[in-house]
PDB file of N, CA and C in Angstrom:
ATOM      1  N   MET A   1      45.539-181.164   3.973  1.00  0.00           N
ATOM      2  CA  MET A   1      45.617-179.772   3.648  1.00  0.00           C
ATOM      3  C   MET A   1      44.259-179.094   3.799  1.00  0.00           C
ATOM      4  N   ALA A   2      43.200-179.770   3.455  1.00  0.00           N
ATOM      5  CA  ALA A   2      41.871-179.186   3.573  1.00  0.00           C
ATOM      6  C   ALA A   2      41.526-178.910   5.026  1.00  0.00           C
ATOM      7  N   LYS A   3      42.042-179.726   5.933  1.00  0.00           N
ATOM      8  CA  LYS A   3      41.752-179.517   7.342  1.00  0.00           C
ATOM      9  C   LYS A   3      42.305-178.188   7.827  1.00  0.00           C
ATOM     10  N   LYS A   4      43.454-177.784   7.320  1.00  0.00           N
ATOM     11  CA  LYS A   4      44.039-176.511   7.729  1.00  0.00           C
ATOM     12  C   LYS A   4      43.174-175.343   7.268  1.00  0.00           C
ATOM     13  N   VAL A   5      42.629-175.426   6.066  1.00  0.00           N
ATOM     14  CA  VAL A   5      41.789-174.356   5.556  1.00  0.00           C
ATOM     15  C   VAL A   5      40.530-174.225   6.388  1.00  0.00           C
ATOM     16  N   VAL A   6      39.902-175.329   6.697  1.00  0.00           N
ATOM     17  CA  VAL A   6      38.679-175.310   7.492  1.00  0.00           C
ATOM     18  C   VAL A   6      38.975-174.765   8.881  1.00  0.00           C
ATOM     19  N   ALA A   7      40.081-175.153   9.474  1.00  0.00           N
ATOM     20  CA  ALA A   7      40.422-174.696  10.822  1.00  0.00           C
ATOM     21  C   ALA A   7      40.659-173.193  10.850  1.00  0.00           C
ATOM     22  N   THR A   8      41.294-172.636   9.827  1.00  0.00           N
ATOM     23  CA  THR A   8      41.536-171.194   9.825  1.00  0.00           C
ATOM     24  C   THR A   8      40.252-170.420   9.617  1.00  0.00           C
ATOM     25  N   LEU A   9      39.307-170.942   8.848  1.00  0.00           N
ATOM     26  CA  LEU A   9      38.031-170.249   8.675  1.00  0.00           C
ATOM     27  C   LEU A   9      37.229-170.233   9.967  1.00  0.00           C
ATOM     28  N   GLN A  10      37.366-171.252  10.788  1.00  0.00           N
ATOM     29  CA  GLN A  10      36.620-171.305  12.038  1.00  0.00           C
ATOM     30  C   GLN A  10      37.228-170.421  13.110  1.00  0.00           C
ATOM     31  N   LYS A  11      38.480-170.056  12.993  1.00  0.00           N
ATOM     32  CA  LYS A  11      39.132-169.247  14.021  1.00  0.00           C
ATOM     33  C   LYS A  11      39.014-167.753  13.745  1.00  0.00           C
ATOM     34  N   GLY A  12      39.200-167.338  12.511  1.00  0.00           N
ATOM     35  CA  GLY A  12      39.291-165.923  12.190  1.00  0.00           C
ATOM     36  C   GLY A  12      37.953-165.287  11.883  1.00  0.00           C
ATOM     37  N   ALA A  13      37.967-164.410  10.904  1.00  0.00           N
ATOM     38  CA  ALA A  13      36.761-163.678  10.521  1.00  0.00           C
ATOM     39  C   ALA A  13      35.752-164.562   9.804  1.00  0.00           C
ATOM     40  N   GLY A  14      36.118-165.762   9.423  1.00  0.00           N
ATOM     41  CA  GLY A  14      35.211-166.674   8.740  1.00  0.00           C
ATOM     42  C   GLY A  14      34.035-167.108   9.586  1.00  0.00           C
ATOM     43  N   LYS A  15      34.135-166.968  10.896  1.00  0.00           N
ATOM     44  CA  LYS A  15      33.033-167.338  11.781  1.00  0.00           C
ATOM     45  C   LYS A  15      31.845-166.396  11.630  1.00  0.00           C
ATOM     46  N   ASN A  16      32.054-165.233  11.044  1.00  0.00           N
ATOM     47  CA  ASN A  16      30.986-164.251  10.903  1.00  0.00           C
ATOM     48  C   ASN A  16      30.110-164.500   9.690  1.00  0.00           C
ATOM     49  N   PHE A  17      30.418-165.520   8.884  1.00  0.00           N
ATOM     50  CA  PHE A  17      29.687-165.781   7.661  1.00  0.00           C
ATOM     51  C   PHE A  17      29.041-167.163   7.685  1.00  0.00           C
ATOM     52  N   THR A  18      27.923-167.290   6.969  1.00  0.00           N
ATOM     53  CA  THR A  18      27.193-168.545   6.888  1.00  0.00           C
ATOM     54  C   THR A  18      26.796-168.773   5.435  1.00  0.00           C
ATOM     55  N   LYS A  19      26.909-170.023   4.970  1.00  0.00           N
ATOM     56  CA  LYS A  19      26.444-170.367   3.635  1.00  0.00           C
ATOM     57  C   LYS A  19      24.989-170.807   3.752  1.00  0.00           C
ATOM     58  N   VAL A  20      24.107-170.115   3.025  1.00  0.00           N
ATOM     59  CA  VAL A  20      22.679-170.414   3.091  1.00  0.00           C
ATOM     60  C   VAL A  20      22.199-170.875   1.715  1.00  0.00           C
ATOM     61  N   ILE A  21      21.250-171.789   1.725  1.00  0.00           N
ATOM     62  CA  ILE A  21      20.679-172.342   0.495  1.00  0.00           C
ATOM     63  C   ILE A  21      19.165-172.272   0.618  1.00  0.00           C
ATOM     64  N   LYS A  22      18.518-171.652  -0.382  1.00  0.00           N
ATOM     65  CA  LYS A  22      17.064-171.520  -0.375  1.00  0.00           C
ATOM     66  C   LYS A  22      16.502-172.209  -1.609  1.00  0.00           C
ATOM     67  N   MET A  23      15.426-172.963  -1.440  1.00  0.00           N
ATOM     68  CA  MET A  23      14.795-173.667  -2.540  1.00  0.00           C
ATOM     69  C   MET A  23      13.587-172.853  -3.008  1.00  0.00           C
ATOM     70  N   ALA A  24      13.462-172.680  -4.319  1.00  0.00           N
ATOM     71  CA  ALA A  24      12.341-171.942  -4.887  1.00  0.00           C
ATOM     72  C   ALA A  24      11.712-172.755  -6.004  1.00  0.00           C
ATOM     73  N   LYS A  25      10.383-172.741  -6.054  1.00  0.00           N
ATOM     74  CA  LYS A  25       9.656-173.492  -7.076  1.00  0.00           C
ATOM     75  C   LYS A  25       9.257-172.547  -8.202  1.00  0.00           C
ATOM     76  N   ASP A  26       9.523-172.957  -9.438  1.00  0.00           N
ATOM     77  CA  ASP A  26       9.150-172.176 -10.606  1.00  0.00           C
ATOM     78  C   ASP A  26       7.669-172.415 -10.897  1.00  0.00           C
ATOM     79  N   GLU A  27       6.912-171.334 -11.026  1.00  0.00           N
ATOM     80  CA  GLU A  27       5.466-171.462 -11.233  1.00  0.00           C
ATOM     81  C   GLU A  27       5.131-172.028 -12.614  1.00  0.00           C
ATOM     82  N   LYS A  28       5.914-171.712 -13.622  1.00  0.00           N
ATOM     83  CA  LYS A  28       5.609-172.153 -14.987  1.00  0.00           C
ATOM     84  C   LYS A  28       5.847-173.644 -15.179  1.00  0.00           C
ATOM     85  N   THR A  29       7.021-174.119 -14.771  1.00  0.00           N
ATOM     86  CA  THR A  29       7.381-175.510 -15.043  1.00  0.00           C
ATOM     87  C   THR A  29       7.162-176.429 -13.849  1.00  0.00           C
ATOM     88  N   GLY A  30       7.105-175.875 -12.652  1.00  0.00           N
ATOM     89  CA  GLY A  30       6.945-176.698 -11.459  1.00  0.00           C
ATOM     90  C   GLY A  30       8.248-177.273 -10.944  1.00  0.00           C
ATOM     91  N   SER A  31       9.353-176.905 -11.580  1.00  0.00           N
ATOM     92  CA  SER A  31      10.647-177.431 -11.146  1.00  0.00           C
ATOM     93  C   SER A  31      11.208-176.565 -10.010  1.00  0.00           C
ATOM     94  N   TYR A  32      12.114-177.134  -9.275  1.00  0.00           N
ATOM     95  CA  TYR A  32      12.734-176.441  -8.156  1.00  0.00           C
ATOM     96  C   TYR A  32      14.130-175.967  -8.531  1.00  0.00           C
ATOM     97  N   SER A  33      14.504-174.820  -8.004  1.00  0.00           N
ATOM     98  CA  SER A  33      15.863-174.313  -8.184  1.00  0.00           C
ATOM     99  C   SER A  33      16.396-173.909  -6.816  1.00  0.00           C
ATOM    100  N   PHE A  34      17.692-173.871  -6.703  1.00  0.00           N
ATOM    101  CA  PHE A  34      18.334-173.562  -5.440  1.00  0.00           C
ATOM    102  C   PHE A  34      19.170-172.302  -5.585  1.00  0.00           C
ATOM    103  N   LYS A  35      19.067-171.422  -4.598  1.00  0.00           N
ATOM    104  CA  LYS A  35      19.846-170.197  -4.584  1.00  0.00           C
ATOM    105  C   LYS A  35      20.806-170.274  -3.406  1.00  0.00           C
ATOM    106  N   GLU A  36      22.097-170.197  -3.692  1.00  0.00           N
ATOM    107  CA  GLU A  36      23.128-170.283  -2.662  1.00  0.00           C
ATOM    108  C   GLU A  36      23.824-168.941  -2.515  1.00  0.00           C
ATOM    109  N   GLU A  37      24.076-168.550  -1.280  1.00  0.00           N
ATOM    110  CA  GLU A  37      24.820-167.318  -1.003  1.00  0.00           C
ATOM    111  C   GLU A  37      25.603-167.499   0.283  1.00  0.00           C
ATOM    112  N   ILE A  38      26.636-166.717   0.420  1.00  0.00           N
ATOM    113  CA  ILE A  38      27.367-166.623   1.677  1.00  0.00           C
ATOM    114  C   ILE A  38      27.066-165.247   2.253  1.00  0.00           C
ATOM    115  N   VAL A  39      26.390-165.229   3.390  1.00  0.00           N
ATOM    116  CA  VAL A  39      25.956-163.978   4.002  1.00  0.00           C
ATOM    117  C   VAL A  39      26.493-163.894   5.420  1.00  0.00           C
ATOM    118  N   THR A  40      26.443-162.701   5.993  1.00  0.00           N
ATOM    119  CA  THR A  40      26.863-162.540   7.384  1.00  0.00           C
ATOM    120  C   THR A  40      25.809-163.149   8.295  1.00  0.00           C
ATOM    121  N   ASN A  41      26.217-163.486   9.485  1.00  0.00           N
ATOM    122  CA  ASN A  41      25.298-164.131  10.429  1.00  0.00           C
ATOM    123  C   ASN A  41      24.107-163.233  10.773  1.00  0.00           C
ATOM    124  N   ASP A  42      24.289-161.918  10.697  1.00  0.00           N
ATOM    125  CA  ASP A  42      23.206-160.996  11.028  1.00  0.00           C
ATOM    126  C   ASP A  42      22.101-160.988   9.985  1.00  0.00           C
ATOM    127  N   THR A  43      22.424-161.295   8.735  1.00  0.00           N
ATOM    128  CA  THR A  43      21.450-161.184   7.650  1.00  0.00           C
ATOM    129  C   THR A  43      20.851-162.506   7.194  1.00  0.00           C
ATOM    130  N   VAL A  44      21.041-163.563   7.960  1.00  0.00           N
ATOM    131  CA  VAL A  44      20.520-164.880   7.575  1.00  0.00           C
ATOM    132  C   VAL A  44      18.984-164.870   7.542  1.00  0.00           C
ATOM    133  N   LYS A  45      18.351-164.308   8.546  1.00  0.00           N
ATOM    134  CA  LYS A  45      16.879-164.284   8.591  1.00  0.00           C
ATOM    135  C   LYS A  45      16.310-163.429   7.461  1.00  0.00           C
ATOM    136  N   ASP A  46      16.985-162.330   7.131  1.00  0.00           N
ATOM    137  CA  ASP A  46      16.529-161.474   6.036  1.00  0.00           C
ATOM    138  C   ASP A  46      16.616-162.200   4.697  1.00  0.00           C
ATOM    139  N   PHE A  47      17.622-163.051   4.531  1.00  0.00           N
ATOM    140  CA  PHE A  47      17.767-163.819   3.294  1.00  0.00           C
ATOM    141  C   PHE A  47      16.569-164.743   3.088  1.00  0.00           C
ATOM    142  N   PHE A  48      16.114-165.397   4.136  1.00  0.00           N
ATOM    143  CA  PHE A  48      15.012-166.343   3.999  1.00  0.00           C
ATOM    144  C   PHE A  48      13.668-165.637   3.912  1.00  0.00           C
ATOM    145  N   LYS A  49      13.550-164.415   4.404  1.00  0.00           N
ATOM    146  CA  LYS A  49      12.287-163.673   4.293  1.00  0.00           C
ATOM    147  C   LYS A  49      12.035-163.196   2.874  1.00  0.00           C
ATOM    148  N   SER A  50      13.099-162.872   2.151  1.00  0.00           N
ATOM    149  CA  SER A  50      12.923-162.346   0.797  1.00  0.00           C
ATOM    150  C   SER A  50      12.686-163.430  -0.225  1.00  0.00           C
TER     151      SER A  50
END
């Protein structure tokens, strides 16, 4: 069943989106946190610049 969901996302409007993950280090504790978002393919570079 999962294969059908993945196949439909690759065919339709789902191809226009990308899941991006950015790692950020906290200055106070030194620990790392991850920020996840689903953005359009056009705004991927802007996500990593900010």
